Amino acid sequence: MNRPFGLFTATALAGGCLLFAGVKPLHASGGVALPIGYVQEHGWDEPPGELDEVARRGFHDGIEGARKDYGNHRHMDVNNREEYQHPHVAQRDREAYRHGFERGYRVATEHLMGAR
């Protein structure tokens, strides 16, 4: 009688291994086990490749500004950020910085508000 139980156990174990074969380890997906291919190659908070260096800095600062607003339960509005209104970049770089900042802020807002 132990033989059929052993066969059932072995079959169930093999099936379980196959079921979870397509799951990324927790450390690779930020602590959440997700099927392989579900997580994008790059993180949601990485600046798009087409942005220049100044816009990438603005994108990063926009992400951080949105995180601060969200964490402090402030109204999510890019126009309320001092860094956006008065960026600490050369006059010639302000438009690119603001473009990147606004894009980063929007991406972070969508991500953070979707998490609710």
N, C-alpha and C. Protein backbone atom coordinates (compact mmCIF):
# COMPACT_ATOMS: atom_id res chain seq x y z
N MET A 1 0.81 -1.20 0.00
CA MET A 1 0.00 0.00 0.00
C MET A 1 0.85 1.26 0.00
N ASN A 2 2.02 1.22 0.53
CA ASN A 2 2.87 2.39 0.54
C ASN A 2 3.29 2.80 -0.87
N ARG A 3 3.33 1.83 -1.77
CA ARG A 3 3.79 2.08 -3.13
C ARG A 3 2.88 3.08 -3.87
N PRO A 4 1.53 2.92 -3.90
CA PRO A 4 0.70 3.90 -4.61
C PRO A 4 0.81 5.29 -3.99
N PHE A 5 0.90 5.36 -2.67
CA PHE A 5 1.04 6.65 -2.02
C PHE A 5 2.35 7.31 -2.42
N GLY A 6 3.41 6.53 -2.49
CA GLY A 6 4.72 7.04 -2.90
C GLY A 6 4.68 7.54 -4.33
N LEU A 7 4.00 6.84 -5.21
CA LEU A 7 3.88 7.25 -6.60
C LEU A 7 3.08 8.55 -6.70
N PHE A 8 1.99 8.63 -5.93
CA PHE A 8 1.18 9.86 -5.91
C PHE A 8 1.99 11.05 -5.41
N THR A 9 2.74 10.83 -4.35
CA THR A 9 3.55 11.90 -3.78
C THR A 9 4.60 12.38 -4.78
N ALA A 10 5.26 11.44 -5.43
CA ALA A 10 6.28 11.79 -6.42
C ALA A 10 5.66 12.55 -7.59
N THR A 11 4.49 12.14 -8.04
CA THR A 11 3.81 12.81 -9.15
C THR A 11 3.40 14.22 -8.75
N ALA A 12 2.86 14.38 -7.54
CA ALA A 12 2.45 15.70 -7.07
C ALA A 12 3.66 16.62 -6.92
N LEU A 13 4.75 16.10 -6.42
CA LEU A 13 5.96 16.89 -6.26
C LEU A 13 6.50 17.35 -7.61
N ALA A 14 6.52 16.45 -8.57
CA ALA A 14 7.00 16.80 -9.91
C ALA A 14 6.08 17.85 -10.55
N GLY A 15 4.78 17.70 -10.37
CA GLY A 15 3.83 18.68 -10.91
C GLY A 15 4.03 20.04 -10.28
N GLY A 16 4.26 20.07 -8.99
CA GLY A 16 4.51 21.33 -8.29
C GLY A 16 5.78 22.01 -8.79
N CYS A 17 6.81 21.20 -9.05
CA CYS A 17 8.06 21.77 -9.57
C CYS A 17 7.83 22.39 -10.94
N LEU A 18 7.06 21.73 -11.79
CA LEU A 18 6.76 22.27 -13.11
C LEU A 18 5.92 23.53 -13.01
N LEU A 19 5.00 23.56 -12.07
CA LEU A 19 4.13 24.71 -11.90
C LEU A 19 4.93 25.96 -11.55
N PHE A 20 5.92 25.83 -10.70
CA PHE A 20 6.70 26.98 -10.24
C PHE A 20 8.00 27.17 -11.01
N ALA A 21 8.23 26.40 -12.06
CA ALA A 21 9.45 26.54 -12.84
C ALA A 21 9.53 27.89 -13.53
N GLY A 22 8.40 28.50 -13.85
CA GLY A 22 8.38 29.78 -14.55
C GLY A 22 8.26 30.98 -13.63
N VAL A 23 8.53 30.83 -12.34
CA VAL A 23 8.43 31.95 -11.40
C VAL A 23 9.81 32.46 -11.07
N LYS A 24 9.99 33.78 -11.17
CA LYS A 24 11.28 34.38 -10.82
C LYS A 24 11.48 34.31 -9.32
N PRO A 25 12.73 34.20 -8.88
CA PRO A 25 12.99 34.25 -7.44
C PRO A 25 12.59 35.61 -6.88
N LEU A 26 12.28 35.65 -5.60
CA LEU A 26 11.81 36.88 -4.97
C LEU A 26 12.78 38.03 -5.14
N HIS A 27 14.07 37.78 -5.03
CA HIS A 27 15.03 38.88 -5.11
C HIS A 27 15.07 39.50 -6.49
N ALA A 28 14.64 38.80 -7.53
CA ALA A 28 14.70 39.33 -8.90
C ALA A 28 13.48 40.17 -9.25
N SER A 29 12.46 40.15 -8.43
CA SER A 29 11.25 40.90 -8.78
C SER A 29 10.82 41.84 -7.67
N GLY A 30 11.74 42.26 -6.86
CA GLY A 30 11.43 43.23 -5.82
C GLY A 30 10.62 42.67 -4.67
N GLY A 31 10.71 41.35 -4.41
CA GLY A 31 10.04 40.77 -3.27
C GLY A 31 8.71 40.11 -3.61
N VAL A 32 8.31 40.13 -4.87
CA VAL A 32 7.05 39.52 -5.27
C VAL A 32 7.35 38.46 -6.32
N ALA A 33 6.90 37.24 -6.12
CA ALA A 33 7.12 36.18 -7.09
C ALA A 33 6.18 36.39 -8.28
N LEU A 34 6.75 36.64 -9.45
CA LEU A 34 5.98 36.86 -10.66
C LEU A 34 6.45 35.90 -11.74
N PRO A 35 5.57 35.53 -12.67
CA PRO A 35 5.99 34.65 -13.75
C PRO A 35 7.10 35.30 -14.58
N ILE A 36 8.00 34.49 -15.11
CA ILE A 36 9.08 35.00 -15.96
C ILE A 36 8.47 35.73 -17.14
N GLY A 37 9.04 36.86 -17.49
CA GLY A 37 8.54 37.65 -18.60
C GLY A 37 7.55 38.71 -18.14
N TYR A 38 7.04 38.61 -16.93
CA TYR A 38 6.07 39.60 -16.44
C TYR A 38 6.76 40.90 -16.09
N VAL A 39 7.91 40.80 -15.46
CA VAL A 39 8.65 41.99 -15.04
C VAL A 39 9.41 42.53 -16.25
N GLN A 40 9.33 43.84 -16.48
CA GLN A 40 10.04 44.45 -17.59
C GLN A 40 11.54 44.34 -17.37
N GLU A 41 12.25 44.40 -18.48
CA GLU A 41 13.71 44.35 -18.42
C GLU A 41 14.26 45.43 -17.50
N HIS A 42 13.71 46.64 -17.58
CA HIS A 42 14.14 47.76 -16.75
C HIS A 42 13.02 48.09 -15.77
N GLY A 43 13.39 48.71 -14.67
CA GLY A 43 12.41 49.09 -13.68
C GLY A 43 11.54 50.24 -14.16
N TRP A 44 10.38 50.39 -13.56
CA TRP A 44 9.45 51.45 -13.97
C TRP A 44 10.03 52.83 -13.73
N ASP A 45 10.98 52.93 -12.82
CA ASP A 45 11.52 54.24 -12.47
C ASP A 45 12.82 54.59 -13.19
N GLU A 46 13.18 53.81 -14.21
CA GLU A 46 14.35 54.12 -15.00
C GLU A 46 13.98 55.06 -16.14
N PRO A 47 14.78 56.10 -16.37
CA PRO A 47 14.45 57.05 -17.43
C PRO A 47 14.53 56.39 -18.81
N PRO A 48 13.63 56.78 -19.71
CA PRO A 48 13.66 56.24 -21.07
C PRO A 48 14.99 56.58 -21.76
N GLY A 49 15.43 55.71 -22.62
CA GLY A 49 16.72 55.87 -23.29
C GLY A 49 16.82 57.08 -24.19
N GLU A 50 15.69 57.57 -24.68
CA GLU A 50 15.74 58.70 -25.62
C GLU A 50 15.99 60.04 -24.94
N LEU A 51 15.95 60.09 -23.62
CA LEU A 51 16.18 61.35 -22.92
C LEU A 51 17.68 61.66 -22.84
N ASP A 52 18.02 62.94 -22.99
CA ASP A 52 19.41 63.33 -22.84
C ASP A 52 19.75 63.40 -21.35
N GLU A 53 21.00 63.73 -21.05
CA GLU A 53 21.48 63.69 -19.66
C GLU A 53 20.69 64.63 -18.74
N VAL A 54 20.40 65.83 -19.21
CA VAL A 54 19.67 66.81 -18.39
C VAL A 54 18.24 66.32 -18.15
N ALA A 55 17.58 65.83 -19.19
CA ALA A 55 16.20 65.33 -19.04
C ALA A 55 16.17 64.08 -18.15
N ARG A 56 17.20 63.26 -18.23
CA ARG A 56 17.27 62.07 -17.37
C ARG A 56 17.38 62.49 -15.90
N ARG A 57 18.16 63.52 -15.64
CA ARG A 57 18.26 64.04 -14.27
C ARG A 57 16.90 64.57 -13.81
N GLY A 58 16.22 65.31 -14.70
CA GLY A 58 14.89 65.80 -14.38
C GLY A 58 13.91 64.67 -14.13
N PHE A 59 14.00 63.61 -14.95
CA PHE A 59 13.14 62.44 -14.79
C PHE A 59 13.33 61.84 -13.40
N HIS A 60 14.58 61.64 -13.03
CA HIS A 60 14.89 61.08 -11.71
C HIS A 60 14.36 61.98 -10.59
N ASP A 61 14.59 63.29 -10.72
CA ASP A 61 14.11 64.22 -9.70
C ASP A 61 12.58 64.25 -9.64
N GLY A 62 11.94 64.08 -10.79
CA GLY A 62 10.48 64.02 -10.83
C GLY A 62 9.96 62.79 -10.10
N ILE A 63 10.62 61.65 -10.29
CA ILE A 63 10.26 60.42 -9.58
C ILE A 63 10.36 60.67 -8.07
N GLU A 64 11.48 61.25 -7.66
CA GLU A 64 11.68 61.50 -6.23
C GLU A 64 10.68 62.51 -5.68
N GLY A 65 10.38 63.54 -6.45
CA GLY A 65 9.39 64.52 -6.01
C GLY A 65 8.02 63.90 -5.81
N ALA A 66 7.61 63.04 -6.75
CA ALA A 66 6.32 62.36 -6.63
C ALA A 66 6.31 61.42 -5.42
N ARG A 67 7.42 60.73 -5.20
CA ARG A 67 7.51 59.84 -4.03
C ARG A 67 7.36 60.62 -2.73
N LYS A 68 8.00 61.79 -2.68
CA LYS A 68 7.89 62.62 -1.48
C LYS A 68 6.45 63.10 -1.28
N ASP A 69 5.83 63.58 -2.36
CA ASP A 69 4.43 64.04 -2.24
C ASP A 69 3.52 62.91 -1.81
N TYR A 70 3.69 61.77 -2.41
CA TYR A 70 2.86 60.61 -2.07
C TYR A 70 3.10 60.19 -0.62
N GLY A 71 4.35 60.12 -0.23
CA GLY A 71 4.69 59.70 1.13
C GLY A 71 4.22 60.67 2.20
N ASN A 72 4.12 61.94 1.84
CA ASN A 72 3.67 62.96 2.79
C ASN A 72 2.19 63.30 2.62
N HIS A 73 1.50 62.51 1.83
CA HIS A 73 0.06 62.67 1.60
C HIS A 73 -0.29 64.05 1.06
N ARG A 74 0.57 64.58 0.20
CA ARG A 74 0.30 65.87 -0.44
C ARG A 74 -0.46 65.65 -1.73
N HIS A 75 -1.09 66.72 -2.20
CA HIS A 75 -1.77 66.69 -3.49
C HIS A 75 -0.72 66.42 -4.57
N MET A 76 -0.98 65.46 -5.43
CA MET A 76 -0.03 65.08 -6.47
C MET A 76 -0.14 66.04 -7.65
N ASP A 77 0.74 67.04 -7.67
CA ASP A 77 0.74 68.04 -8.72
C ASP A 77 2.17 68.50 -8.97
N VAL A 78 2.66 68.26 -10.17
CA VAL A 78 4.03 68.62 -10.51
C VAL A 78 4.30 70.10 -10.31
N ASN A 79 3.28 70.94 -10.51
CA ASN A 79 3.45 72.38 -10.36
C ASN A 79 3.69 72.82 -8.92
N ASN A 80 3.45 71.94 -7.96
CA ASN A 80 3.70 72.25 -6.56
C ASN A 80 5.13 71.95 -6.13
N ARG A 81 5.93 71.41 -7.03
CA ARG A 81 7.31 71.05 -6.70
C ARG A 81 8.26 72.21 -6.99
N GLU A 82 9.00 72.60 -5.98
CA GLU A 82 9.97 73.69 -6.11
C GLU A 82 11.02 73.38 -7.18
N GLU A 83 11.44 72.11 -7.24
CA GLU A 83 12.46 71.71 -8.21
C GLU A 83 11.98 71.89 -9.65
N TYR A 84 10.69 71.74 -9.86
CA TYR A 84 10.11 71.92 -11.19
C TYR A 84 9.97 73.41 -11.51
N GLN A 85 9.50 74.17 -10.56
CA GLN A 85 9.30 75.60 -10.77
C GLN A 85 10.63 76.36 -10.94
N HIS A 86 11.60 75.98 -10.14
CA HIS A 86 12.90 76.68 -10.14
C HIS A 86 14.04 75.66 -10.17
N PRO A 87 14.24 75.02 -11.32
CA PRO A 87 15.28 73.98 -11.39
C PRO A 87 16.68 74.55 -11.22
N HIS A 88 17.54 73.80 -10.58
CA HIS A 88 18.93 74.21 -10.35
C HIS A 88 19.80 73.69 -11.49
N VAL A 89 19.51 74.19 -12.69
CA VAL A 89 20.29 73.86 -13.88
C VAL A 89 20.53 75.16 -14.64
N ALA A 90 21.45 75.10 -15.59
CA ALA A 90 21.73 76.27 -16.42
C ALA A 90 20.46 76.69 -17.17
N GLN A 91 20.35 77.97 -17.44
CA GLN A 91 19.17 78.52 -18.13
C GLN A 91 18.88 77.75 -19.42
N ARG A 92 19.92 77.41 -20.17
CA ARG A 92 19.74 76.71 -21.46
C ARG A 92 19.18 75.29 -21.28
N ASP A 93 19.30 74.71 -20.08
CA ASP A 93 18.87 73.33 -19.83
C ASP A 93 17.50 73.23 -19.15
N ARG A 94 16.91 74.36 -18.82
CA ARG A 94 15.67 74.33 -18.03
C ARG A 94 14.52 73.62 -18.74
N GLU A 95 14.35 73.84 -20.03
CA GLU A 95 13.24 73.21 -20.75
C GLU A 95 13.39 71.69 -20.76
N ALA A 96 14.61 71.20 -21.04
CA ALA A 96 14.86 69.75 -21.06
C ALA A 96 14.66 69.15 -19.67
N TYR A 97 15.16 69.86 -18.64
CA TYR A 97 15.02 69.38 -17.27
C TYR A 97 13.55 69.28 -16.88
N ARG A 98 12.80 70.33 -17.17
CA ARG A 98 11.37 70.33 -16.82
C ARG A 98 10.61 69.25 -17.57
N HIS A 99 10.97 69.05 -18.84
CA HIS A 99 10.33 67.99 -19.61
C HIS A 99 10.57 66.63 -18.93
N GLY A 100 11.82 66.36 -18.57
CA GLY A 100 12.14 65.10 -17.89
C GLY A 100 11.49 65.01 -16.53
N PHE A 101 11.48 66.11 -15.79
CA PHE A 101 10.87 66.12 -14.45
C PHE A 101 9.39 65.80 -14.55
N GLU A 102 8.71 66.47 -15.45
CA GLU A 102 7.27 66.27 -15.60
C GLU A 102 6.96 64.82 -16.01
N ARG A 103 7.78 64.27 -16.90
CA ARG A 103 7.58 62.88 -17.32
C ARG A 103 7.81 61.91 -16.17
N GLY A 104 8.88 62.13 -15.41
CA GLY A 104 9.17 61.26 -14.27
C GLY A 104 8.09 61.37 -13.20
N TYR A 105 7.63 62.58 -12.96
CA TYR A 105 6.58 62.79 -11.96
C TYR A 105 5.30 62.07 -12.37
N ARG A 106 4.95 62.16 -13.65
CA ARG A 106 3.75 61.49 -14.16
C ARG A 106 3.86 59.97 -14.05
N VAL A 107 5.00 59.43 -14.45
CA VAL A 107 5.22 57.98 -14.36
C VAL A 107 5.11 57.51 -12.92
N ALA A 108 5.74 58.23 -12.00
CA ALA A 108 5.70 57.85 -10.59
C ALA A 108 4.29 57.97 -10.02
N THR A 109 3.59 59.03 -10.39
CA THR A 109 2.22 59.21 -9.91
C THR A 109 1.34 58.06 -10.36
N GLU A 110 1.45 57.70 -11.63
CA GLU A 110 0.65 56.58 -12.14
C GLU A 110 1.00 55.29 -11.43
N HIS A 111 2.29 55.07 -11.19
CA HIS A 111 2.73 53.87 -10.51
C HIS A 111 2.26 53.83 -9.06
N LEU A 112 2.47 54.93 -8.35
CA LEU A 112 2.13 54.99 -6.94
C LEU A 112 0.61 54.97 -6.71
N MET A 113 -0.12 55.68 -7.52
CA MET A 113 -1.58 55.72 -7.36
C MET A 113 -2.20 54.38 -7.76
N GLY A 114 -1.56 53.69 -8.69
CA GLY A 114 -2.03 52.35 -9.08
C GLY A 114 -1.79 51.34 -7.98
N ALA A 115 -0.86 51.64 -7.09
CA ALA A 115 -0.53 50.71 -5.99
C ALA A 115 -1.59 50.76 -4.89
N ARG A 116 -2.43 51.78 -4.90
CA ARG A 116 -3.45 51.91 -3.83
C ARG A 116 -4.50 50.86 -3.95
